[in-house]
């Protein structure tokens, strides 16, 4: 039986306020709290809360037959805790059903996998620790920021112990192959690859409410009919999309929630389709072939590359300048600076600087707070300049503190050595004094004995001589 793997990405960046040049070095708070809270509250009420309720109701109705997976960024989790704790609670209720899998990703939705392995792996650890803390689940399948993947990234993830990765079913990688099978990494066969079926995923995520689309309106019955018409030999259909597709990108008025409610019912009517989580797909099906991906792929554009985030000189300058600071960040123990460092890495900031024309650009314009990529670049670089000042001062301060600490340690060691040497000398002097005194006492005692013996001999001799004379 063919299985359907439903996976939803949940992410929100911390948006920056308008940060002017004259604030550099003077004002160190970068975030637009009003925009962050209002946007989170809006998406929570329009999308996350109603969609989570529908999923919970579906799981109650169909039990373990219906399953989904989520990848929630650390920045989204932080905003749930700050602005919408009821959303976090609704995800925790879903986690308790055991019909939901939580995937691993980087904490701050970073592009670190393209430039720094250590930062990339560190952020994975931080993210997975938070997932375990909040949901009691340890992720075993990984989803990288923007579905970015290549052989090298795959090798790192295999070393970390992940059994699978989900990424884009890019046509220039697959060629004639279908994305509807499990594949494995050509450089590390232990790592399995699940590929997004872009056409059917985008039918829901981007085309659902497009009245100019020749398949409009899209009903659950029609969609399941397309799935049934697929090659029966294929193993899995991977439908990957942003979670705010439901109610935000595709508004409630479009009928998107009714589609979500009806979809499992239509699937189970067929008796030849099931639902599975990514880890279940990996465990259930044998991979059919290796995939070698030398250059990074992603979900974006026709090219399915990383040019949406690093395609122009503005983006590259900002990105490279940011990661040059990492060594100084590691020298700093200030929690706020560490947090700013993570939030500065979010891929959205570089996406705002893109000068490309996107196929889906109009659908994503609603969350871009800037009027132009140049405005986005200038604002980001102003913030980064201030951050550099702070991190340099912090690193220098820590270095000075380390020097003073080392001097104190050296001084303490010297003092201890001096005390130890003094004690040793005193012991030796005392020992020498005791030895000398003992020798003197022994000599005196010996001399006394000799003197006594001599006197005794002389007395005996004298007595003998006297006795002889008398005789």
Protein backbone atom coordinates (compact mmCIF):
# COMPACT_ATOMS: atom_id res chain seq x y z
CA UNK A 1 0.00 0.00 0.00
CA UNK A 2 1.16 3.50 -0.83
CA UNK A 3 1.56 5.75 2.20
CA UNK A 4 1.13 9.52 2.53
CA UNK A 5 3.73 11.40 4.55
CA UNK A 6 2.33 14.76 5.72
CA UNK A 7 5.01 17.11 7.04
CA UNK A 8 4.52 20.75 8.15
CA UNK A 9 7.18 23.41 8.75
CA UNK A 10 6.50 25.86 11.62
CA UNK A 11 8.80 28.87 11.73
CA UNK A 12 8.72 32.53 12.71
CA UNK A 13 11.75 34.85 12.72
CA UNK A 14 12.36 37.61 15.25
CA UNK A 15 11.78 40.71 13.12
CA UNK A 16 14.13 43.66 13.57
CA UNK A 17 13.00 47.22 14.17
CA UNK A 18 14.18 50.09 12.01
CA UNK A 19 17.73 50.54 13.28
CA UNK A 20 19.40 53.78 12.20
CA UNK A 21 23.06 54.52 11.62
CA UNK A 22 23.41 56.96 14.55
CA UNK A 23 22.24 54.25 16.98
CA UNK A 24 25.32 52.12 16.29
CA UNK A 25 27.34 51.88 19.49
CA UNK A 26 24.60 53.53 21.54
CA UNK A 27 21.46 51.40 21.37
CA UNK A 28 21.75 47.62 21.57
CA UNK A 29 18.15 46.40 21.34
CA UNK A 30 17.28 45.32 17.80
CA UNK A 31 13.81 43.79 17.87
CA UNK A 32 10.40 45.08 16.85
CA UNK A 33 8.46 43.64 19.78
CA UNK A 34 5.12 45.02 18.58
CA UNK A 35 5.50 43.49 15.11
CA UNK A 36 6.69 40.15 16.50
CA UNK A 37 3.86 39.85 18.99
CA UNK A 38 1.11 41.09 16.66
CA UNK A 39 2.22 38.80 13.81
CA UNK A 40 2.45 35.79 16.11
CA UNK A 41 -0.98 36.49 17.60
CA UNK A 42 -2.41 36.89 14.09
CA UNK A 43 -0.94 33.63 12.75
CA UNK A 44 -1.85 31.80 15.95
CA UNK A 45 -5.52 32.76 15.73
CA UNK A 46 -5.84 32.36 11.95
CA UNK A 47 -3.71 29.26 11.44
CA UNK A 48 -1.93 27.39 14.24
CA UNK A 49 -4.77 27.08 16.75
CA UNK A 50 -7.59 26.11 14.37
CA UNK A 51 -5.33 23.77 12.37
CA UNK A 52 -4.07 22.05 15.54
CA UNK A 53 -7.66 21.56 16.72
CA UNK A 54 -8.59 19.95 13.40
CA UNK A 55 -5.59 17.60 13.57
CA UNK A 56 -6.37 16.65 17.16
CA UNK A 57 -10.00 15.90 16.21
CA UNK A 58 -8.84 13.80 13.24
CA UNK A 59 -6.49 11.78 15.46
CA UNK A 60 -9.31 11.22 17.96
CA UNK A 61 -11.57 10.08 15.11
CA UNK A 62 -9.12 7.84 13.23
CA UNK A 63 -6.65 6.93 15.98
CA UNK A 64 -3.19 5.80 14.94
CA UNK A 65 -4.30 5.51 11.30
CA UNK A 66 -3.84 9.27 10.83
CA UNK A 67 -0.34 10.67 11.36
CA UNK A 68 1.57 13.89 10.66
CA UNK A 69 5.01 15.36 11.32
CA UNK A 70 6.22 18.81 12.35
CA UNK A 71 9.50 20.66 12.26
CA UNK A 72 9.32 23.67 14.60
CA UNK A 73 12.23 26.11 14.68
CA UNK A 74 13.67 27.30 17.99
CA UNK A 75 12.75 30.89 17.16
CA UNK A 76 9.11 29.84 16.70
CA UNK A 77 9.17 27.98 20.03
CA UNK A 78 10.66 31.06 21.72
CA UNK A 79 7.85 33.21 20.33
CA UNK A 80 5.19 30.72 21.43
CA UNK A 81 6.57 31.00 24.97
CA UNK A 82 6.64 34.81 24.79
CA UNK A 83 3.46 35.65 22.92
CA UNK A 84 1.24 32.59 22.45
CA UNK A 85 1.65 29.92 25.15
CA UNK A 86 -1.72 28.42 24.19
CA UNK A 87 -0.21 27.44 20.80
CA UNK A 88 2.61 25.60 22.56
CA UNK A 89 0.05 23.80 24.72
CA UNK A 90 -1.91 22.75 21.63
CA UNK A 91 1.26 21.23 20.10
CA UNK A 92 1.96 19.43 23.39
CA UNK A 93 -1.53 17.90 23.24
CA UNK A 94 -0.75 16.64 19.75
CA UNK A 95 2.55 15.19 21.00
CA UNK A 96 0.71 13.19 23.66
CA UNK A 97 -1.31 11.33 21.00
CA UNK A 98 1.81 9.52 19.69
CA UNK A 99 0.50 10.12 16.17
CA UNK A 100 2.78 13.11 15.65
CA UNK A 101 6.51 13.07 14.94
CA UNK A 102 8.75 16.06 15.67
CA UNK A 103 11.74 16.47 13.36
CA UNK A 104 15.13 17.94 14.07
CA UNK A 105 16.40 21.18 12.56
CA UNK A 106 18.64 24.11 13.46
CA UNK A 107 17.54 26.27 16.39
CA UNK A 108 17.46 29.63 14.65
CA UNK A 109 16.63 28.48 11.11
CA UNK A 110 20.23 29.25 10.20
CA UNK A 111 22.17 28.82 6.95
CA UNK A 112 25.21 27.66 8.93
CA UNK A 113 25.32 24.34 7.05
CA UNK A 114 26.66 26.32 4.07
CA UNK A 115 29.60 27.86 5.93
CA UNK A 116 30.37 26.40 9.38
CA UNK A 117 29.98 22.76 10.43
CA UNK A 118 30.54 23.41 14.14
CA UNK A 119 27.85 26.08 14.38
CA UNK A 120 25.48 23.92 12.36
CA UNK A 121 25.88 20.91 14.66
CA UNK A 122 25.73 23.02 17.80
CA UNK A 123 22.41 24.54 16.75
CA UNK A 124 21.00 21.07 16.04
CA UNK A 125 21.89 20.01 19.60
CA UNK A 126 20.27 23.13 21.08
CA UNK A 127 17.11 22.60 19.03
CA UNK A 128 16.75 18.91 19.86
CA UNK A 129 17.25 19.55 23.57
CA UNK A 130 14.37 22.03 23.47
CA UNK A 131 12.14 19.57 21.56
CA UNK A 132 12.82 16.89 24.17
CA UNK A 133 12.16 19.33 27.01
CA UNK A 134 8.83 20.59 25.58
CA UNK A 135 7.44 17.46 23.89
CA UNK A 136 9.33 14.53 25.39
CA UNK A 137 10.40 13.37 21.92
CA UNK A 138 13.93 12.83 20.60
CA UNK A 139 14.09 13.54 16.83
CA UNK A 140 15.62 10.89 14.59
CA UNK A 141 14.90 12.49 11.19
CA UNK A 142 16.35 15.84 10.14
CA UNK A 143 14.95 18.74 8.12
CA UNK A 144 17.46 21.46 7.29
CA UNK A 145 16.63 25.13 6.90
CA UNK A 146 14.82 25.69 3.57
CA UNK A 147 15.28 21.94 2.82
CA UNK A 148 18.96 22.67 1.99
CA UNK A 149 20.97 19.49 1.39
CA UNK A 150 24.07 18.10 -0.29
CA UNK A 151 26.41 15.13 0.19
CA UNK A 152 28.61 16.88 2.74
CA UNK A 153 25.67 17.93 4.90
CA UNK A 154 24.39 14.37 4.66
CA UNK A 155 27.71 13.01 5.93
CA UNK A 156 27.59 15.34 8.96
CA UNK A 157 24.04 14.25 9.76
CA UNK A 158 24.91 10.56 9.43
CA UNK A 159 27.77 11.13 11.89
CA UNK A 160 25.24 12.69 14.28
CA UNK A 161 23.21 9.49 14.15
CA UNK A 162 20.18 10.63 12.15
CA UNK A 163 18.56 7.86 10.16
CA UNK A 164 16.99 10.11 7.55
CA UNK A 165 16.73 13.57 6.01
CA UNK A 166 13.86 15.20 4.17
CA UNK A 167 14.73 17.48 1.27
CA UNK A 168 13.50 18.72 -2.10
CA UNK A 169 12.72 16.40 -4.99
CA UNK A 170 14.63 18.64 -7.40
CA UNK A 171 14.20 17.68 -11.05
CA UNK A 172 17.84 18.32 -11.97
CA UNK A 173 18.85 15.80 -9.29
CA UNK A 174 16.20 13.15 -9.95
CA UNK A 175 16.20 13.31 -13.74
CA UNK A 176 13.79 10.57 -14.83
CA UNK A 177 13.41 9.18 -11.30
CA UNK A 178 10.29 9.68 -9.18
CA UNK A 179 10.35 11.46 -5.78
CA UNK A 180 7.84 8.89 -4.51
CA UNK A 181 10.39 6.39 -3.23
CA UNK A 182 12.93 6.23 -0.40
CA UNK A 183 16.51 6.92 -1.53
CA UNK A 184 19.84 6.90 0.28
CA UNK A 185 22.95 9.07 0.34
CA UNK A 186 25.55 8.01 -2.22
CA UNK A 187 28.36 8.93 0.18
CA UNK A 188 26.78 7.43 3.31
CA UNK A 189 24.27 4.64 2.60
CA UNK A 190 23.08 4.56 6.23
CA UNK A 191 21.34 7.91 5.68
CA UNK A 192 17.94 7.65 3.97
CA UNK A 193 16.44 10.49 1.90
CA UNK A 194 12.76 11.46 1.68
CA UNK A 195 12.00 13.78 -1.23
CA UNK A 196 9.21 16.33 -1.45
CA UNK A 197 6.66 15.84 -4.23
CA UNK A 198 6.75 19.49 -5.28
CA UNK A 199 3.84 19.45 -7.72
CA UNK A 200 1.22 18.00 -5.39
CA UNK A 201 2.57 19.85 -2.34
CA UNK A 202 2.40 23.17 -4.16
CA UNK A 203 -1.13 22.43 -5.39
CA UNK A 204 -2.18 22.81 -1.74
CA UNK A 205 0.38 25.35 -0.51
CA UNK A 206 0.33 27.84 -3.40
CA UNK A 207 -2.40 27.09 -5.93
CA UNK A 208 -5.33 26.14 -3.72
CA UNK A 209 -7.10 29.54 -3.78
CA UNK A 210 -5.91 30.62 -7.24
CA UNK A 211 -9.10 31.04 -9.24
CA UNK A 212 -7.05 31.30 -12.44
CA UNK A 213 -5.70 27.78 -11.96
CA UNK A 214 -7.20 25.27 -14.38
CA UNK A 215 -7.84 22.81 -11.52
CA UNK A 216 -9.64 25.30 -9.30
CA UNK A 217 -11.41 24.54 -7.01
CA UNK A 218 -9.35 21.77 -5.44
CA UNK A 219 -11.42 19.34 -3.37
CA UNK A 220 -10.20 16.50 -1.17
CA UNK A 221 -11.99 14.01 -3.42
CA UNK A 222 -10.26 15.35 -6.54
CA UNK A 223 -6.84 15.41 -4.83
CA UNK A 224 -7.13 11.83 -3.58
CA UNK A 225 -8.19 10.83 -7.09
CA UNK A 226 -4.88 12.17 -8.39
CA UNK A 227 -3.02 10.14 -5.76
CA UNK A 228 -4.87 6.94 -6.70
CA UNK A 229 -3.95 7.51 -10.34
CA UNK A 230 -0.23 7.46 -9.53
CA UNK A 231 1.94 4.45 -10.31
CA UNK A 232 0.86 1.75 -7.80
CA UNK A 233 4.45 0.56 -7.51
CA UNK A 234 5.51 3.82 -5.88
CA UNK A 235 5.91 3.63 -2.10
CA UNK A 236 5.29 7.07 -0.62
CA UNK A 237 3.84 10.47 -1.40
CA UNK A 238 5.69 13.16 0.57
CA UNK A 239 3.56 16.28 0.99
CA UNK A 240 5.77 18.93 2.61
CA UNK A 241 4.57 22.53 3.20
CA UNK A 242 4.53 25.48 5.62
CA UNK A 243 1.95 24.98 8.34
CA UNK A 244 0.53 28.50 7.98
CA UNK A 245 -0.66 27.38 4.53
CA UNK A 246 -3.81 26.57 6.51
CA UNK A 247 -5.60 29.80 7.35
CA UNK A 248 -2.84 32.30 6.59
CA UNK A 249 -1.32 31.82 3.13
CA UNK A 250 -4.55 30.14 2.09
CA UNK A 251 -7.27 32.01 4.03
CA UNK A 252 -10.14 30.34 5.84
CA UNK A 253 -12.55 31.69 3.24
CA UNK A 254 -10.84 29.62 0.54
CA UNK A 255 -12.14 26.40 2.13
CA UNK A 256 -8.65 25.21 3.14
CA UNK A 257 -9.79 23.97 6.56
CA UNK A 258 -12.64 21.99 5.04
CA UNK A 259 -10.10 20.42 2.69
CA UNK A 260 -7.90 19.43 5.65
CA UNK A 261 -10.86 17.90 7.50
CA UNK A 262 -12.05 15.93 4.48
CA UNK A 263 -8.65 14.72 3.25
CA UNK A 264 -8.17 11.72 5.63
CA UNK A 265 -11.76 10.57 5.11
CA UNK A 266 -11.25 10.44 1.33
CA UNK A 267 -7.91 8.65 1.80
CA UNK A 268 -9.39 5.92 4.00
CA UNK A 269 -12.26 5.39 1.56
CA UNK A 270 -9.75 3.99 -0.95
CA UNK A 271 -8.54 1.12 1.27
CA UNK A 272 -5.21 1.30 -0.60
CA UNK A 273 -3.69 4.40 1.04
CA UNK A 274 -2.32 4.98 4.54
CA UNK A 275 -0.61 7.75 6.52
CA UNK A 276 2.92 7.45 7.96
CA UNK A 277 5.43 9.65 9.73
CA UNK A 278 8.86 10.19 8.11
CA UNK A 279 10.60 7.74 10.46
CA UNK A 280 7.94 5.10 9.73
CA UNK A 281 8.42 5.55 5.97
CA UNK A 282 12.17 5.06 6.41
CA UNK A 283 11.68 1.94 8.54
CA UNK A 284 8.99 0.46 6.31
CA UNK A 285 10.43 0.82 2.80
CA UNK A 286 13.74 -0.24 1.35
CA UNK A 287 15.61 2.52 -0.53
CA UNK A 288 15.58 2.02 -4.28
CA UNK A 289 18.75 3.87 -5.32
CA UNK A 290 21.56 6.19 -4.15
CA UNK A 291 21.41 9.95 -4.76
CA UNK A 292 24.57 12.00 -5.13
CA UNK A 293 23.99 15.73 -4.56
CA UNK A 294 27.24 17.65 -4.86
CA UNK A 295 25.84 21.18 -4.77
CA UNK A 296 23.27 22.43 -2.24
CA UNK A 297 19.62 22.18 -3.23
CA UNK A 298 16.57 23.83 -1.61
CA UNK A 299 12.83 24.26 -2.14
CA UNK A 300 13.05 27.73 -3.75
CA UNK A 301 12.69 28.84 -7.37
CA UNK A 302 12.86 26.79 -10.52
CA UNK A 303 16.59 26.35 -9.89
CA UNK A 304 15.99 24.75 -6.47
CA UNK A 305 19.34 26.15 -5.28
CA UNK A 306 20.40 28.56 -2.48
CA UNK A 307 20.41 31.74 -4.59
CA UNK A 308 17.23 32.98 -2.87
CA UNK A 309 19.37 33.61 0.23
CA UNK A 310 22.92 33.98 -1.11
CA UNK A 311 22.44 34.94 -4.74
CA UNK A 312 23.65 38.56 -4.76
CA UNK A 313 26.55 40.58 -3.34
CA UNK A 314 24.40 42.17 -0.61
CA UNK A 315 23.47 38.80 0.81
CA UNK A 316 26.98 37.37 0.55
CA UNK A 317 28.57 40.39 2.26
CA UNK A 318 26.12 40.28 5.16
CA UNK A 319 26.39 36.50 5.50
CA UNK A 320 30.19 36.36 5.44
CA UNK A 321 30.59 39.30 7.82
CA UNK A 322 28.24 37.64 10.28
CA UNK A 323 30.13 34.35 10.42
CA UNK A 324 33.54 36.02 10.66
CA UNK A 325 32.43 37.04 14.16
CA UNK A 326 31.88 33.48 15.39
CA UNK A 327 35.29 33.07 17.06
CA UNK A 328 34.70 36.22 19.09
CA UNK A 329 31.21 35.03 20.01
CA UNK A 330 32.71 31.84 21.42
CA UNK A 331 34.93 33.94 23.70
CA UNK A 332 31.92 35.75 25.13
CA UNK A 333 29.73 34.51 27.99
CA UNK A 334 27.01 37.19 27.80
CA UNK A 335 23.63 35.36 27.37
CA UNK A 336 22.00 38.27 25.50
CA UNK A 337 24.86 38.44 22.99
CA UNK A 338 24.62 34.70 22.45
CA UNK A 339 20.88 35.05 21.82
CA UNK A 340 21.38 37.96 19.40
CA UNK A 341 23.98 35.87 17.58
CA UNK A 342 21.46 33.10 16.97
CA UNK A 343 18.63 35.40 15.91
CA UNK A 344 20.92 37.26 13.48
CA UNK A 345 21.51 33.99 11.62
CA UNK A 346 17.86 33.43 10.68
CA UNK A 347 17.56 32.77 6.93
CA UNK A 348 14.64 35.22 6.61
CA UNK A 349 16.96 38.22 7.02
CA UNK A 350 18.92 37.17 3.93
CA UNK A 351 15.74 36.32 2.01
CA UNK A 352 14.57 39.93 2.50
CA UNK A 353 17.73 41.09 0.68
CA UNK A 354 17.03 39.03 -2.44
CA UNK A 355 16.76 40.90 -5.74
CA UNK A 356 15.41 37.87 -7.60
CA UNK A 357 11.91 37.51 -9.02
CA UNK A 358 10.25 34.56 -7.31
CA UNK A 359 7.51 32.44 -8.77
CA UNK A 360 5.83 32.44 -5.39
CA UNK A 361 7.07 35.89 -4.43
CA UNK A 362 3.64 37.51 -4.15
CA UNK A 363 2.53 34.84 -1.67
CA UNK A 364 5.49 35.59 0.61
CA UNK A 365 5.41 39.39 0.38
CA UNK A 366 3.04 39.60 3.35
CA UNK A 367 5.78 38.79 5.89
CA UNK A 368 8.54 41.01 4.44
CA UNK A 369 8.81 44.16 6.60
CA UNK A 370 11.01 46.04 4.09
CA UNK A 371 10.13 48.02 1.00
CA UNK A 372 13.22 46.89 -0.90
CA UNK A 373 16.16 44.47 -0.57
CA UNK A 374 18.50 47.48 -0.20
CA UNK A 375 16.55 48.74 2.80
CA UNK A 376 16.74 45.25 4.30
CA UNK A 377 20.51 45.15 3.71
CA UNK A 378 21.19 48.59 5.24
CA UNK A 379 19.10 47.86 8.32
CA UNK A 380 20.77 44.48 8.85
CA UNK A 381 24.29 45.86 8.41
CA UNK A 382 23.61 48.68 10.90
CA UNK A 383 22.57 46.09 13.47
CA UNK A 384 25.50 43.86 12.61
CA UNK A 385 27.93 46.79 13.05
CA UNK A 386 26.60 47.44 16.55
CA UNK A 387 26.71 43.73 17.35
CA UNK A 388 30.34 43.59 16.22
CA UNK A 389 31.23 46.44 18.59
CA UNK A 390 29.56 44.67 21.50
CA UNK A 391 31.04 41.26 20.75
CA UNK A 392 34.54 42.70 20.27
CA UNK A 393 34.34 44.52 23.62
CA UNK A 394 33.01 41.40 25.31
CA UNK A 395 35.74 39.21 23.83
CA UNK A 396 38.44 41.74 24.81
CA UNK A 397 37.01 41.98 28.32
CA UNK A 398 36.97 38.22 28.68
CA UNK A 399 40.54 38.00 27.35
CA UNK A 400 41.69 40.60 29.89
CA UNK A 401 39.83 38.78 32.64
CA UNK A 402 41.50 35.52 31.57
CA UNK A 403 44.92 37.19 31.68
CA UNK A 404 44.27 38.56 35.19
CA UNK A 405 42.93 35.20 36.26
CA UNK A 406 46.01 33.46 34.88
CA UNK A 407 48.23 35.97 36.68
CA UNK A 408 46.36 35.30 39.91
CA UNK A 409 46.70 31.57 39.31
CA UNK A 410 50.44 31.99 38.63
CA UNK A 411 50.81 34.13 41.72
CA UNK A 412 48.93 31.61 43.80
CA UNK A 413 51.06 28.80 42.40
CA UNK A 414 54.24 30.79 43.19
CA UNK A 415 53.02 31.52 46.72
CA UNK A 416 52.21 27.86 47.23
CA UNK A 417 55.62 26.84 45.89
CA UNK A 418 57.34 29.37 48.15
CA UNK A 419 55.43 28.16 51.19
CA UNK A 420 56.19 24.58 50.28
CA UNK A 421 59.88 25.33 49.81
CA UNK A 422 60.02 27.28 53.08
CA UNK A 423 58.35 24.40 54.91
CA UNK A 424 60.79 21.98 53.34
CA UNK A 425 63.76 24.11 54.37
CA UNK A 426 62.43 24.45 57.91
CA UNK A 427 61.93 20.72 58.08
CA UNK A 428 65.44 20.12 56.80
CA UNK A 429 66.86 22.65 59.27
CA UNK A 430 64.94 21.09 62.13
CA UNK A 431 65.99 17.65 61.01
CA UNK A 432 69.61 18.81 60.69
CA UNK A 433 69.47 20.47 64.08
CA UNK A 434 68.01 17.35 65.65
CA UNK A 435 70.63 15.17 63.95
CA UNK A 436 73.48 17.46 65.06
CA UNK A 437 72.16 17.60 68.63
CA UNK A 438 71.81 13.84 68.67
CA UNK A 439 75.38 13.44 67.40
CA UNK A 440 76.68 15.88 70.00
CA UNK A 441 74.76 14.12 72.75
CA UNK A 442 76.06 10.76 71.56
CA UNK A 443 79.63 12.14 71.46
CA UNK A 444 79.31 13.61 74.92
CA UNK A 445 77.88 10.35 76.19
CA UNK A 446 80.66 8.40 74.48
CA UNK A 447 83.32 10.77 75.83
CA UNK A 448 81.85 10.44 79.30
CA UNK A 449 81.91 6.66 79.01
CA UNK A 450 85.52 6.76 77.75
CA UNK A 451 86.52 9.11 80.52
CA UNK A 452 84.82 6.93 83.12
CA UNK A 453 86.48 3.83 81.69
CA UNK A 454 89.91 5.53 81.65
CA UNK A 455 89.51 6.72 85.20
CA UNK A 456 88.46 3.23 86.25
CA UNK A 457 91.48 1.72 84.56
CA UNK A 458 93.77 4.27 86.12
CA UNK A 459 92.23 3.62 89.56
CA UNK A 460 92.61 -0.12 89.09
CA UNK A 461 96.23 0.31 87.97
CA UNK A 462 96.99 2.63 90.83
CA UNK A 463 95.47 0.21 93.32
CA UNK A 464 97.49 -2.63 91.87
CA UNK A 465 100.75 -0.66 92.08
CA UNK A 466 100.10 0.27 95.71
CA UNK A 467 99.30 -3.27 96.57
CA UNK A 468 102.50 -4.43 94.96
CA UNK A 469 104.60 -1.93 96.86
CA UNK A 470 103.06 -3.07 100.12
CA UNK A 471 103.96 -6.60 99.31
